[in-house]
Amino acid sequence: MILITSAPGNNANAVIRELTKAGVRVRALLRNPNSAGEIKGPLVEVAVGDFLNPASLHAALQGVEKAFLIPPMDPRSVEMQASFIRAAKRAGTGHVVKLSVNGADVNSPVRVARWHAEGEKELEASGIPFTHLRPNAFMQNFLGLAPTIVSQGEFYQPAADGKVSHIDVRDIAAVAAKALTENGHQGKTYVITGPEALSYDDVARKLSTALGRPVKYVNITPEDFKKSLLGWGIPEFMADGLNEFFAAIRAGYCAVVTNTVEEVAQRKPIRFDNFVRDFADAFTARPQAAG
């Protein structure tokens, strides 16, 4: 049995699909029991638990041979990861694959990268066989920008001319599935990126080509970006964390390109053009129903 944490969610759902497609039984750990309906399939079990509730983790980990740890974006992330790792150790889990982030470092100016680096160290110190997956920014994040792309033909980010080798979460899932089901991945750290580093102007051009209409990238200040995020109800810690991430983009830290998807998942990584075509409906205005 393989346990997938932080379900439902983009990465959890993608890994569940990848594993069950291969006939692997999984158990999905979710915090809200009302979300159970979003995770379906004859090979999927559901367990309700909380990273800070050891008893719930103990129950969820019973009979689990391997686990995919997806830490929440939360100021208590390190504590949550440590709690899960302790529970996995007590349960005798044989291998934990941890979703981390490109640039994970305890001295990083990006808080999320620090949290992930500390989680990696907790896992390594536990003695549990581990694999760290360090993906770059997700292509699926652009789905959150779809409303202004649809309504205005524009999207707004504080990236300046920084480049990012965005990765499709389906490719992250493919690498995770290999790490969870094959031997030889223990003790490894995989930096996972897309096949090309793109500026946000490059992204706008690719969106324009794929959608058949002009799409423009508008560079905004970090201050205006934070103001917009707070206006949308994003917590301040998350808004500040995203600004730290975009500072790293502007500094060139997210432009690295690796061959991990091809080497580990044994398939070509999804290009941004293909991602847009696959999710074209999200970026396409729909006519209003007559009323």
Protein backbone atom coordinates (compact mmCIF):
# COMPACT_ATOMS: atom_id res chain seq x y z
CA MET A 1 0.00 0.00 0.00
CA ILE A 2 1.21 3.49 -0.89
CA LEU A 3 -0.03 6.50 1.08
CA ILE A 4 -0.43 9.85 -0.69
CA THR A 5 -0.75 12.87 1.61
CA SER A 6 -2.42 16.26 1.10
CA ALA A 7 -5.23 14.92 -1.04
CA PRO A 8 -7.10 16.19 -2.92
CA GLY A 9 -4.76 18.57 -4.71
CA ASN A 10 -3.00 18.94 -8.04
CA ASN A 11 0.05 16.88 -7.12
CA ALA A 12 -1.75 14.31 -4.98
CA ASN A 13 -4.43 13.71 -7.58
CA ALA A 14 -1.88 13.42 -10.40
CA VAL A 15 0.17 10.83 -8.47
CA ILE A 16 -2.97 8.88 -7.58
CA ARG A 17 -3.96 8.78 -11.25
CA GLU A 18 -0.46 7.72 -12.31
CA LEU A 19 -0.26 4.90 -9.77
CA THR A 20 -3.79 3.54 -10.17
CA LYS A 21 -3.39 3.59 -13.96
CA ALA A 22 -0.54 1.12 -13.36
CA GLY A 23 -2.74 -1.03 -11.09
CA VAL A 24 -1.21 0.13 -7.81
CA ARG A 25 -3.41 0.40 -4.69
CA VAL A 26 -3.18 3.71 -2.88
CA ARG A 27 -4.51 5.32 0.26
CA ALA A 28 -5.23 9.05 0.07
CA LEU A 29 -4.78 11.06 3.26
CA LEU A 30 -7.07 14.05 3.41
CA ARG A 31 -7.88 16.51 6.16
CA ASN A 32 -11.48 17.27 5.23
CA PRO A 33 -13.77 14.22 5.01
CA ASN A 34 -16.09 16.23 2.76
CA SER A 35 -13.38 16.06 0.08
CA ALA A 36 -13.55 12.28 -0.17
CA GLY A 37 -15.87 12.45 -3.16
CA GLU A 38 -13.12 14.11 -5.21
CA ILE A 39 -10.97 10.98 -4.92
CA LYS A 40 -12.55 7.98 -6.55
CA GLY A 41 -11.53 4.64 -7.95
CA PRO A 42 -11.55 0.93 -7.10
CA LEU A 43 -7.86 1.08 -6.15
CA VAL A 44 -8.21 4.14 -3.90
CA GLU A 45 -8.81 4.08 -0.16
CA VAL A 46 -9.45 7.24 1.85
CA ALA A 47 -8.03 8.06 5.27
CA VAL A 48 -8.88 11.22 7.19
CA GLY A 49 -6.08 12.74 9.21
CA ASP A 50 -4.09 15.80 10.15
CA PHE A 51 -0.34 16.34 10.08
CA LEU A 52 -0.47 17.62 13.66
CA ASN A 53 -2.64 14.75 14.95
CA PRO A 54 -0.29 11.80 15.57
CA ALA A 55 -3.15 9.39 16.30
CA SER A 56 -4.74 10.06 12.90
CA LEU A 57 -1.39 9.62 11.17
CA HIS A 58 -0.80 6.35 13.02
CA ALA A 59 -4.10 5.00 11.72
CA ALA A 60 -3.49 6.22 8.16
CA LEU A 61 -0.03 4.63 8.03
CA GLN A 62 -1.05 1.14 9.07
CA GLY A 63 -0.05 -1.35 6.40
CA VAL A 64 1.68 1.35 4.36
CA GLU A 65 4.92 0.27 2.72
CA LYS A 66 5.72 3.58 1.01
CA ALA A 67 4.46 7.15 1.30
CA PHE A 68 4.45 10.29 -0.82
CA LEU A 69 4.80 13.29 1.50
CA ILE A 70 3.36 16.53 0.10
CA PRO A 71 3.88 19.22 2.77
CA PRO A 72 1.25 21.96 3.07
CA MET A 73 2.05 25.60 2.37
CA ASP A 74 1.82 26.62 6.02
CA PRO A 75 4.02 28.48 8.52
CA ARG A 76 3.99 25.26 10.56
CA SER A 77 5.23 23.23 7.58
CA VAL A 78 8.44 22.02 9.25
CA GLU A 79 6.52 20.90 12.33
CA MET A 80 3.97 19.14 10.13
CA GLN A 81 6.64 17.34 8.13
CA ALA A 82 8.46 16.26 11.30
CA SER A 83 5.19 14.94 12.75
CA PHE A 84 4.51 12.85 9.66
CA ILE A 85 8.06 11.53 9.50
CA ARG A 86 7.96 10.47 13.16
CA ALA A 87 4.66 8.68 12.55
CA ALA A 88 6.05 6.95 9.45
CA LYS A 89 9.08 5.83 11.43
CA ARG A 90 6.90 4.36 14.18
CA ALA A 91 4.71 2.61 11.60
CA GLY A 92 7.71 1.00 9.91
CA THR A 93 7.15 2.70 6.55
CA GLY A 94 9.88 1.47 4.23
CA HIS A 95 10.34 4.46 1.93
CA VAL A 96 9.18 8.09 1.94
CA VAL A 97 9.26 10.13 -1.26
CA LYS A 98 9.08 13.81 -0.32
CA LEU A 99 7.83 16.56 -2.60
CA SER A 100 10.28 19.42 -2.06
CA VAL A 101 11.13 22.41 -4.26
CA ASN A 102 13.87 23.48 -6.62
CA GLY A 103 16.43 25.47 -4.65
CA ALA A 104 15.63 23.90 -1.28
CA ASP A 105 18.24 25.26 1.13
CA VAL A 106 18.15 26.10 4.83
CA ASN A 107 19.79 29.46 3.99
CA SER A 108 17.48 30.34 1.10
CA PRO A 109 15.85 33.80 1.11
CA VAL A 110 12.66 32.02 0.00
CA ARG A 111 10.83 30.74 3.06
CA VAL A 112 9.21 27.81 1.26
CA ALA A 113 12.65 26.63 0.12
CA ARG A 114 13.85 26.82 3.75
CA TRP A 115 10.84 24.88 5.02
CA HIS A 116 11.39 22.16 2.45
CA ALA A 117 15.12 21.96 3.17
CA GLU A 118 14.43 21.53 6.87
CA GLY A 119 11.89 18.84 6.06
CA GLU A 120 14.45 17.06 3.91
CA LYS A 121 16.92 17.07 6.80
CA GLU A 122 14.26 15.71 9.18
CA LEU A 123 13.58 12.85 6.77
CA GLU A 124 17.26 12.07 6.25
CA ALA A 125 17.89 12.07 10.02
CA SER A 126 14.98 9.68 10.61
CA GLY A 127 16.76 6.76 8.97
CA ILE A 128 13.80 6.04 6.71
CA PRO A 129 14.92 5.41 3.10
CA PHE A 130 14.04 8.60 1.24
CA THR A 131 13.83 10.25 -2.15
CA HIS A 132 13.57 14.03 -2.52
CA LEU A 133 11.75 15.48 -5.53
CA ARG A 134 12.59 19.12 -6.19
CA PRO A 135 10.30 20.45 -8.93
CA ASN A 136 10.37 23.93 -10.38
CA ALA A 137 7.23 26.09 -10.63
CA PHE A 138 4.15 24.28 -11.92
CA MET A 139 2.60 24.97 -15.32
CA GLN A 140 -0.77 24.47 -13.64
CA ASN A 141 -0.21 27.69 -11.69
CA PHE A 142 -1.12 29.53 -14.90
CA LEU A 143 -4.66 28.18 -14.57
CA GLY A 144 -5.03 30.63 -11.69
CA LEU A 145 -4.25 33.45 -14.13
CA ALA A 146 -6.88 32.32 -16.61
CA PRO A 147 -9.61 34.81 -15.56
CA THR A 148 -7.67 37.90 -16.71
CA ILE A 149 -6.32 36.06 -19.75
CA VAL A 150 -9.93 35.37 -20.73
CA SER A 151 -11.38 38.77 -19.83
CA GLN A 152 -8.49 41.11 -20.68
CA GLY A 153 -6.02 39.14 -22.77
CA GLU A 154 -3.40 39.89 -20.13
CA PHE A 155 -1.81 38.38 -17.03
CA TYR A 156 0.11 40.13 -14.28
CA GLN A 157 3.18 38.90 -12.38
CA PRO A 158 6.29 40.55 -10.85
CA ALA A 159 8.79 38.42 -12.77
CA ALA A 160 10.41 41.13 -14.97
CA ASP A 161 12.48 39.25 -17.59
CA GLY A 162 13.31 36.29 -15.33
CA LYS A 163 13.03 32.82 -16.84
CA VAL A 164 11.45 29.67 -15.38
CA SER A 165 11.58 26.06 -16.61
CA HIS A 166 7.95 25.41 -15.61
CA ILE A 167 7.05 21.75 -15.03
CA ASP A 168 3.70 20.08 -15.63
CA VAL A 169 2.44 18.33 -12.48
CA ARG A 170 1.71 15.28 -14.64
CA ASP A 171 5.46 14.93 -15.19
CA ILE A 172 6.14 15.33 -11.47
CA ALA A 173 3.64 12.53 -10.89
CA ALA A 174 5.36 10.32 -13.44
CA VAL A 175 8.71 10.73 -11.64
CA ALA A 176 7.05 10.20 -8.25
CA ALA A 177 5.38 7.00 -9.44
CA LYS A 178 8.72 5.59 -10.58
CA ALA A 179 10.36 6.50 -7.28
CA LEU A 180 7.51 4.85 -5.36
CA THR A 181 7.35 1.63 -7.36
CA GLU A 182 10.90 0.93 -8.53
CA ASN A 183 14.15 0.14 -6.77
CA GLY A 184 17.22 2.34 -7.06
CA HIS A 185 15.73 5.70 -6.11
CA GLN A 186 16.46 5.62 -2.38
CA GLY A 187 18.85 8.30 -1.22
CA LYS A 188 18.43 10.30 -4.44
CA THR A 189 17.49 13.95 -4.92
CA TYR A 190 15.84 14.76 -8.25
CA VAL A 191 15.52 18.31 -9.57
CA ILE A 192 12.52 18.21 -11.90
CA THR A 193 12.02 20.87 -14.56
CA GLY A 194 10.30 21.39 -17.86
CA PRO A 195 12.26 21.15 -21.11
CA GLU A 196 12.85 24.89 -21.59
CA ALA A 197 13.36 28.04 -19.55
CA LEU A 198 10.82 30.67 -20.54
CA SER A 199 10.43 34.33 -19.70
CA TYR A 200 6.88 35.46 -19.00
CA ASP A 201 6.93 37.28 -22.34
CA ASP A 202 7.79 33.90 -23.92
CA VAL A 203 4.82 32.40 -22.07
CA ALA A 204 2.55 35.15 -23.40
CA ARG A 205 3.69 34.43 -26.95
CA LYS A 206 3.05 30.72 -26.53
CA LEU A 207 -0.41 31.41 -25.10
CA SER A 208 -1.15 33.73 -28.01
CA THR A 209 -0.12 31.10 -30.55
CA ALA A 210 -1.97 28.23 -28.89
CA LEU A 211 -5.16 30.23 -28.27
CA GLY A 212 -5.17 32.07 -31.59
CA ARG A 213 -5.53 35.52 -30.02
CA PRO A 214 -3.16 38.05 -28.43
CA VAL A 215 -2.13 37.50 -24.81
CA LYS A 216 0.15 40.00 -23.08
CA TYR A 217 2.32 39.68 -19.99
CA VAL A 218 2.26 42.76 -17.75
CA ASN A 219 5.13 43.13 -15.31
CA ILE A 220 3.98 44.63 -11.99
CA THR A 221 5.80 45.70 -8.84
CA PRO A 222 6.11 43.35 -5.87
CA GLU A 223 4.12 45.88 -3.86
CA ASP A 224 1.19 45.85 -6.29
CA PHE A 225 1.39 42.06 -6.51
CA LYS A 226 1.11 41.71 -2.74
CA LYS A 227 -1.77 44.19 -2.62
CA SER A 228 -3.65 42.16 -5.24
CA LEU A 229 -3.04 38.89 -3.41
CA LEU A 230 -4.27 40.31 -0.11
CA GLY A 231 -7.33 41.66 -1.91
CA TRP A 232 -8.09 38.13 -3.11
CA GLY A 233 -7.96 36.87 0.48
CA ILE A 234 -4.50 35.27 0.25
CA PRO A 235 -2.87 35.16 3.73
CA GLU A 236 -0.05 37.66 4.19
CA PHE A 237 2.56 34.95 4.87
CA MET A 238 1.71 33.36 1.53
CA ALA A 239 1.76 36.69 -0.32
CA ASP A 240 5.20 37.45 1.12
CA GLY A 241 6.38 33.93 0.28
CA LEU A 242 5.25 34.34 -3.34
CA ASN A 243 7.09 37.64 -3.57
CA GLU A 244 10.23 35.91 -2.31
CA PHE A 245 9.77 33.29 -5.02
CA PHE A 246 9.42 35.93 -7.75
CA ALA A 247 12.55 37.66 -6.45
CA ALA A 248 14.34 34.34 -7.04
CA ILE A 249 12.92 34.24 -10.58
CA ARG A 250 14.16 37.76 -11.29
CA ALA A 251 17.59 36.76 -9.96
CA GLY A 252 17.76 33.83 -12.41
CA TYR A 253 17.51 30.96 -9.93
CA CYS A 254 14.59 29.25 -11.66
CA ALA A 255 16.03 28.95 -15.17
CA VAL A 256 17.81 25.61 -14.62
CA VAL A 257 16.80 22.82 -17.04
CA THR A 258 17.31 19.15 -16.16
CA ASN A 259 16.70 15.81 -17.90
CA THR A 260 15.08 14.19 -14.87
CA VAL A 261 11.69 13.48 -16.46
CA GLU A 262 13.28 11.74 -19.41
CA GLU A 263 15.84 9.85 -17.31
CA VAL A 264 13.57 8.74 -14.45
CA ALA A 265 10.07 8.64 -15.96
CA GLN A 266 11.45 7.54 -19.34
CA ARG A 267 9.29 9.91 -21.33
CA LYS A 268 9.64 13.33 -22.89
CA PRO A 269 8.58 16.16 -20.57
CA ILE A 270 5.44 18.07 -21.48
CA ARG A 271 6.17 21.36 -23.24
CA PHE A 272 4.30 24.53 -22.32
CA ASP A 273 2.63 24.60 -25.75
CA ASN A 274 1.14 21.16 -25.09
CA PHE A 275 0.02 22.17 -21.60
CA VAL A 276 -1.92 25.12 -23.03
CA ARG A 277 -3.56 22.95 -25.68
CA ASP A 278 -4.54 20.37 -23.05
CA PHE A 279 -6.13 23.04 -20.85
CA ALA A 280 -7.34 25.36 -23.61
CA ASP A 281 -10.88 25.41 -22.21
CA ALA A 282 -9.62 27.16 -19.07
CA PHE A 283 -8.15 29.98 -21.15
CA THR A 284 -11.11 30.34 -23.51
CA ALA A 285 -14.06 32.63 -22.89
CA ARG A 286 -17.40 30.87 -22.97
CA PRO A 287 -20.50 32.62 -24.30
CA GLN A 288 -23.05 33.60 -21.68
CA ALA A 289 -26.23 31.54 -21.73
CA ALA A 290 -29.25 33.47 -22.91
CA GLY A 291 -31.60 34.35 -20.14
